[in-house]
Amino acid sequence: MKLGDVLLNSCEWIWRFMILNFLWVVFMIGGGVVFGIMPSTIATFYILRKWVQGEFDFNILKTFKDVYKNEFINTNKCGLVFFAIFAFLAFDLNILFKIEAMYSTVLYILVMAVLFFVSMAFVYFFPAYVHFKSSNKEYIKNSFVLALSSPFQTILILIGFGLLYYMVQSNGGLLMFFCMVIPGYWVMHVLYKRFLQLQRSM
């Protein structure tokens, strides 16, 4: 591939990421942030999945808007479940932090480990939601099962997050344009291969 082609391809990807990240922010705010973040993130992952699959010939705005509207209620129901779990764990951590006893330190570490696991399940939820067709209950359950059964993918995701964090630290201006889309693309890229592997083994 010629240098000119590489530069053109890079510019196209930067433009795609900027547009998609802009839509994510706008639609999240349009839903009042609290109710907009789940459907907006699902719509973002829906488009990221298409890009991972090599599909580019579609209207990004229309596709994003359609997915956002169609999945608004379902994704917020799932988001409420995750919010309740996070709130419960945060409440536990707050109580354990105030207790001055050896057992509280052990419990604090255990709850932190559970919090990490739930956080990874939350990350897995979005790509799983746009890839598989299931009920809300199954989406939530499968996100936990996938997080538990995919340690290699989890390590890859965390390495990617670490590298992206380093890049943002060095170039803070990138955060405004790519804060959601680039990490999301990495997660979708890693887990798409995992999903195909699981489907072949079924």
Protein backbone atom coordinates (compact mmCIF):
# COMPACT_ATOMS: atom_id res chain seq x y z
CA MET A 1 0.00 0.00 0.00
CA LYS A 2 1.34 3.43 -0.97
CA LEU A 3 1.98 6.13 1.60
CA GLY A 4 -0.77 8.28 0.12
CA ASP A 5 -3.27 5.43 0.50
CA VAL A 6 -2.21 4.88 4.11
CA LEU A 7 -2.69 8.57 4.93
CA LEU A 8 -6.06 8.67 3.19
CA ASN A 9 -7.22 5.54 5.02
CA SER A 10 -6.02 6.98 8.35
CA CYS A 11 -7.89 10.24 7.74
CA GLU A 12 -11.06 8.32 6.92
CA TRP A 13 -10.85 6.38 10.17
CA ILE A 14 -10.18 9.54 12.20
CA TRP A 15 -13.21 11.19 10.57
CA ARG A 16 -15.42 8.16 11.28
CA PHE A 17 -14.33 8.06 14.91
CA MET A 18 -14.91 11.80 15.37
CA ILE A 19 -18.40 11.66 13.86
CA LEU A 20 -19.42 8.63 15.89
CA ASN A 21 -18.05 10.07 19.12
CA PHE A 22 -19.94 13.30 18.42
CA LEU A 23 -23.18 11.37 17.92
CA TRP A 24 -22.57 9.45 21.15
CA VAL A 25 -22.24 12.71 23.11
CA VAL A 26 -25.18 14.47 21.43
CA PHE A 27 -27.62 11.58 21.83
CA MET A 28 -26.47 10.93 25.39
CA ILE A 29 -27.18 14.56 26.29
CA GLY A 30 -30.44 14.36 24.32
CA GLY A 31 -31.56 11.57 26.65
CA GLY A 32 -30.75 13.66 29.70
CA VAL A 33 -27.39 11.88 30.15
CA VAL A 34 -28.82 9.46 32.73
CA PHE A 35 -31.35 7.97 30.32
CA GLY A 36 -29.27 8.67 27.22
CA ILE A 37 -25.99 6.98 28.04
CA MET A 38 -27.16 3.37 27.66
CA PRO A 39 -29.00 3.64 24.30
CA SER A 40 -26.33 6.00 22.97
CA THR A 41 -23.55 3.56 23.88
CA ILE A 42 -25.47 0.62 22.39
CA ALA A 43 -25.97 2.56 19.14
CA THR A 44 -22.24 3.33 19.13
CA PHE A 45 -21.31 -0.33 19.56
CA TYR A 46 -23.81 -1.33 16.86
CA ILE A 47 -21.93 0.84 14.37
CA LEU A 48 -18.53 -0.23 15.69
CA ARG A 49 -19.52 -3.86 15.12
CA LYS A 50 -20.35 -3.05 11.51
CA TRP A 51 -16.95 -1.45 11.06
CA VAL A 52 -15.20 -4.44 12.64
CA GLN A 53 -17.10 -6.63 10.15
CA GLY A 54 -15.86 -4.42 7.29
CA GLU A 55 -19.23 -2.75 6.59
CA PHE A 56 -18.93 0.96 5.80
CA ASP A 57 -21.59 1.64 3.16
CA PHE A 58 -24.43 2.85 5.38
CA ASN A 59 -25.80 6.11 6.76
CA ILE A 60 -24.20 6.55 10.20
CA LEU A 61 -26.67 9.14 11.48
CA LYS A 62 -29.79 7.23 10.40
CA THR A 63 -28.45 3.92 11.72
CA PHE A 64 -27.43 5.48 15.01
CA LYS A 65 -30.77 7.22 15.45
CA ASP A 66 -32.79 4.09 14.62
CA VAL A 67 -30.86 1.89 17.07
CA TYR A 68 -31.01 4.58 19.76
CA LYS A 69 -34.78 4.89 19.42
CA ASN A 70 -35.51 1.16 19.15
CA GLU A 71 -33.31 0.16 22.09
CA PHE A 72 -33.99 3.12 24.38
CA ILE A 73 -36.32 1.35 26.82
CA ASN A 74 -34.61 -2.08 26.86
CA THR A 75 -31.12 -0.70 27.38
CA ASN A 76 -32.25 1.57 30.19
CA LYS A 77 -33.86 -1.42 31.93
CA CYS A 78 -30.54 -3.26 31.73
CA GLY A 79 -28.71 -0.14 32.83
CA LEU A 80 -30.91 0.08 35.91
CA VAL A 81 -29.88 -3.45 36.93
CA PHE A 82 -26.18 -2.61 36.60
CA PHE A 83 -26.70 0.68 38.44
CA ALA A 84 -28.35 -1.15 41.34
CA ILE A 85 -25.43 -3.59 41.55
CA PHE A 86 -22.83 -0.81 41.44
CA ALA A 87 -24.75 1.22 44.04
CA PHE A 88 -24.97 -1.79 46.36
CA LEU A 89 -21.23 -2.49 46.07
CA ALA A 90 -20.36 1.19 46.57
CA PHE A 91 -22.53 1.24 49.71
CA ASP A 92 -20.73 -1.85 51.03
CA LEU A 93 -17.32 -0.35 50.33
CA ASN A 94 -18.27 2.85 52.11
CA ILE A 95 -19.32 0.94 55.23
CA LEU A 96 -16.26 -1.34 55.21
CA PHE A 97 -13.94 1.66 54.78
CA LYS A 98 -15.23 3.14 58.04
CA ILE A 99 -14.79 -0.07 60.04
CA GLU A 100 -11.39 -0.35 61.72
CA ALA A 101 -10.92 -4.11 61.95
CA MET A 102 -8.82 -6.73 60.20
CA TYR A 103 -11.83 -8.58 58.80
CA SER A 104 -13.12 -5.36 57.22
CA THR A 105 -9.88 -5.04 55.22
CA VAL A 106 -10.29 -8.57 53.89
CA LEU A 107 -13.94 -7.94 53.03
CA TYR A 108 -13.00 -4.63 51.42
CA ILE A 109 -10.55 -6.39 49.11
CA LEU A 110 -13.16 -9.06 48.25
CA VAL A 111 -15.80 -6.46 47.45
CA MET A 112 -13.26 -4.56 45.30
CA ALA A 113 -12.62 -7.79 43.39
CA VAL A 114 -16.36 -8.24 42.87
CA LEU A 115 -16.60 -4.61 41.74
CA PHE A 116 -13.87 -5.21 39.17
CA PHE A 117 -15.69 -8.30 37.89
CA VAL A 118 -19.00 -6.44 37.61
CA SER A 119 -17.22 -3.58 35.80
CA MET A 120 -15.81 -6.02 33.25
CA ALA A 121 -19.25 -7.62 32.84
CA PHE A 122 -20.60 -4.12 32.15
CA VAL A 123 -17.95 -3.65 29.45
CA TYR A 124 -18.87 -7.02 27.93
CA PHE A 125 -22.57 -6.16 28.00
CA PHE A 126 -22.48 -3.66 25.11
CA PRO A 127 -20.74 -5.76 22.43
CA ALA A 128 -22.75 -8.81 23.51
CA TYR A 129 -26.01 -6.85 23.23
CA VAL A 130 -25.35 -5.79 19.63
CA HIS A 131 -24.01 -9.19 18.55
CA PHE A 132 -26.52 -11.63 20.02
CA LYS A 133 -30.32 -11.66 19.95
CA SER A 134 -31.74 -12.43 23.37
CA SER A 135 -33.86 -11.19 26.28
CA ASN A 136 -32.71 -8.51 28.72
CA LYS A 137 -32.23 -11.15 31.41
CA GLU A 138 -30.04 -13.22 29.10
CA TYR A 139 -28.01 -10.19 28.01
CA ILE A 140 -27.14 -9.40 31.62
CA LYS A 141 -26.47 -13.01 32.57
CA ASN A 142 -24.34 -13.62 29.46
CA SER A 143 -22.24 -10.53 30.11
CA PHE A 144 -21.23 -12.00 33.47
CA VAL A 145 -20.63 -15.45 31.99
CA LEU A 146 -18.50 -13.99 29.19
CA ALA A 147 -16.47 -11.88 31.61
CA LEU A 148 -15.82 -14.95 33.75
CA SER A 149 -14.99 -17.29 30.85
CA SER A 150 -12.83 -14.93 28.78
CA PRO A 151 -9.73 -14.08 30.86
CA PHE A 152 -7.48 -13.71 27.80
CA GLN A 153 -9.85 -11.21 26.18
CA THR A 154 -10.15 -9.32 29.48
CA ILE A 155 -6.36 -9.01 29.67
CA LEU A 156 -6.23 -7.75 26.07
CA ILE A 157 -8.95 -5.19 26.79
CA LEU A 158 -7.14 -3.94 29.90
CA ILE A 159 -3.83 -3.68 28.02
CA GLY A 160 -5.59 -1.66 25.33
CA PHE A 161 -7.17 0.60 27.94
CA GLY A 162 -3.77 1.11 29.54
CA LEU A 163 -2.17 2.12 26.24
CA LEU A 164 -5.05 4.45 25.41
CA TYR A 165 -4.79 6.03 28.85
CA TYR A 166 -1.08 6.65 28.25
CA MET A 167 -1.84 8.25 24.88
CA VAL A 168 -4.51 10.50 26.40
CA GLN A 169 -2.11 11.53 29.18
CA SER A 170 0.37 12.60 26.51
CA ASN A 171 -2.25 14.17 24.21
CA GLY A 172 -5.16 15.38 26.33
CA GLY A 173 -6.92 16.92 23.33
CA LEU A 174 -7.71 13.44 22.00
CA LEU A 175 -10.09 12.78 24.88
CA MET A 176 -12.69 15.25 23.63
CA PHE A 177 -12.92 13.61 20.21
CA PHE A 178 -12.36 9.91 20.87
CA CYS A 179 -13.15 9.25 24.57
CA MET A 180 -15.78 6.62 23.79
CA VAL A 181 -15.20 5.39 20.27
CA ILE A 182 -11.57 4.28 20.32
CA PRO A 183 -11.86 2.22 23.55
CA GLY A 184 -15.19 0.91 22.24
CA TYR A 185 -13.66 -0.11 18.93
CA TRP A 186 -10.87 -1.98 20.72
CA VAL A 187 -13.38 -3.81 22.94
CA MET A 188 -15.57 -4.70 19.95
CA HIS A 189 -12.57 -5.85 17.92
CA VAL A 190 -11.32 -8.14 20.69
CA LEU A 191 -14.71 -9.57 21.62
CA TYR A 192 -16.03 -10.00 18.09
CA LYS A 193 -13.42 -12.69 17.53
CA ARG A 194 -14.39 -14.28 20.84
CA PHE A 195 -18.07 -14.28 19.84
CA LEU A 196 -17.32 -15.96 16.53
CA GLN A 197 -15.25 -18.56 18.36
CA LEU A 198 -18.15 -19.29 20.71
CA GLN A 199 -20.64 -19.51 17.85
CA ARG A 200 -18.45 -22.00 15.98
CA SER A 201 -18.24 -24.19 19.07
CA MET A 202 -22.03 -24.31 19.51
